[in-house]
Amino acid sequence: MTDHFQSVNSMIENLRSDDPELRLSSMRGIHVIAQTLGPERTKSELLPFLTDYLDESDDVLRVFANALATMIGEVGGILHVQSLLQPLELLCGLDEVTVRDEAVTSLQTKAIFKSDGAAVQQQDYVSLVQRLAKAEFPQARASACSLIATPYPTVPVAVKATLRQTFQKLCADEEIMVRRSACIALGKPFAAVLGQQCSDLLTQFAAFCRDASDGVRVQAVPTALALLGHLPDAGISQVVTLLKTLSSDSSWRVRYMVADRIGGFTKVFSSLCQDAEPEIRAAAVFNMHFLLGGMTDATVKKDMLNIGTRLAADANAHVRMSLASDVLQCVPSVPKDLWSSVIASCSTRLLNDADADVRLALLTGFSTMSMSSPTEASEIAPKLVPVVIALFNDTKWRVRDTVVLQVPSLVTSLGKSADEVLDVCVKSLQDRVSSIRASGCMACAKLVQESGAAWAEQHLFPKILALASAGPFVPRLTFLQLMTAFAAIS
């Protein structure tokens, strides 16, 4: 016991050390210190000491902010939570954003704010939020934005109205930092808490979309997505109009965020697909299948698909590669008549693209579709298989390797025998690149597993037996690898 007290005493002394590493080590043991001192001394001595003489090290302060969220027991229970609110309130106003974020996270935990707690404890929490919202320094007001949603669901109606008014004032704050935090808070915790009452804050959201700072406008894009899930129809149309404005924003960062997060509705999507920045065009088509999946109007889907697939002729290879990665994922979300008229023709063009990475992206997408949407894959596969098989003669070994790896998926998609792709597998066993030969062994084994031993004896074995007696050692080695692969599935 004496050793324990000496150890704790040493930790307390190290909290005053000039060495930041010693202070950090002691702060990590704050629970041990508090448990040894007991609730009364923790409240009256330890916490006031740490609060009055805040450490200069951000690392120490982050550990302190994090630890406060789990110190309810050390201060005597939830009835004494006020002793933890005071240091957390102070930490919420510091310059270092990571310390503030840690303090906010601690204040949002159920341990600090209990939704079923006593009214007096809830009032203490609301008072803390109001003090932060009215603080002189913008750092504290920015922290308040993220905390308003925590007590909102459980407080009385009159207090809810006060919190909404406080939030509206923060949305119009003179400091960019505060407005940006308010915009983020509206999208993340507050939209879900408010539900359809989000309509009351559409005026503030519109102001974010027109804010002079592009840092605020950038955050308006994910906030718009969050709002769309909670607004009534009238509010949705207003948000869509604002998103169209953001899609043509003067800042490329804002336009990129729109392209990356939503892909836009038809007009927005068309604008993004014609943007001067190739990164924005690429982000738009890469997210095309998400957007199509959320649409119900067949005409709108057709228009958007036509707009996106036109980028198969884009001058930038990265844009074409993004389209190749996404176009086949659109199949389950569009009408069947568009599969052959739009998607198959676009895919064929991409499979013949001059850039190997574009061809690879499309091949990989075909494999993904075969696993996730086998019914759709079986419909569209016959139109693409001849082009895919022809790529086995590609000059780029990575393309040939990918073709071989697609063979099992092709067979599954076709719903037929393996005869149509057998030649590709056999040829791969004689390729000059070792990894392609290895892929060929795996593909042959998969074919045998799916088509059966009788098929293999009749169709496959007659074509590979010559490898065992070939003059060079490489074919014989490949034959042994092939036998090993067969053994693994027997």
Foldseek 3Di string as FASTA:
>chain_A
DVVLVVVLVLLVVQCPDPDVVSVQVSLLVVLSNLVVVAQVCCLVPVLVVCQVDPDPDPSSLLSNLQVLLVCQVSNPHLVRLLSSLVSLLVQQQDDDPSSNVSSLVSCLDCRNPPLPDDPVSLVSSLVSLVCLLPDPGLSSVLSSLQNLLRNLLRDDPVSNVVSVVSLLVQCVDPDPSSVQSNLLNLQPRVLVSCFQVCVVCVVSLLCQLVDPDVSSNQSSQSSLVSNCVRHDPVSVVVSLVSLLVQCPDPDVSSVQSSLQPALHFLVSVLSQCPDPDLSSVLSSLLCLLVNLQPDDDQVSSVSNLVSNLVCCPPPDPSSLLSNLLCLLSNQVRHDPVCLVVRSLVSLLSQCPDPDPSSVLSNLVNLLVCLVPPLVSLLVNLVSCVVSLLVCCPPPDVVSVLSSLLCLLSSCSSVVDASVVCLVSLLVQCVDPDVSSLLSSLLSVLSNCLVHHPVCCVVPPVVSLVVLCVDDDCSSVVSVVSSVVSNVVRD
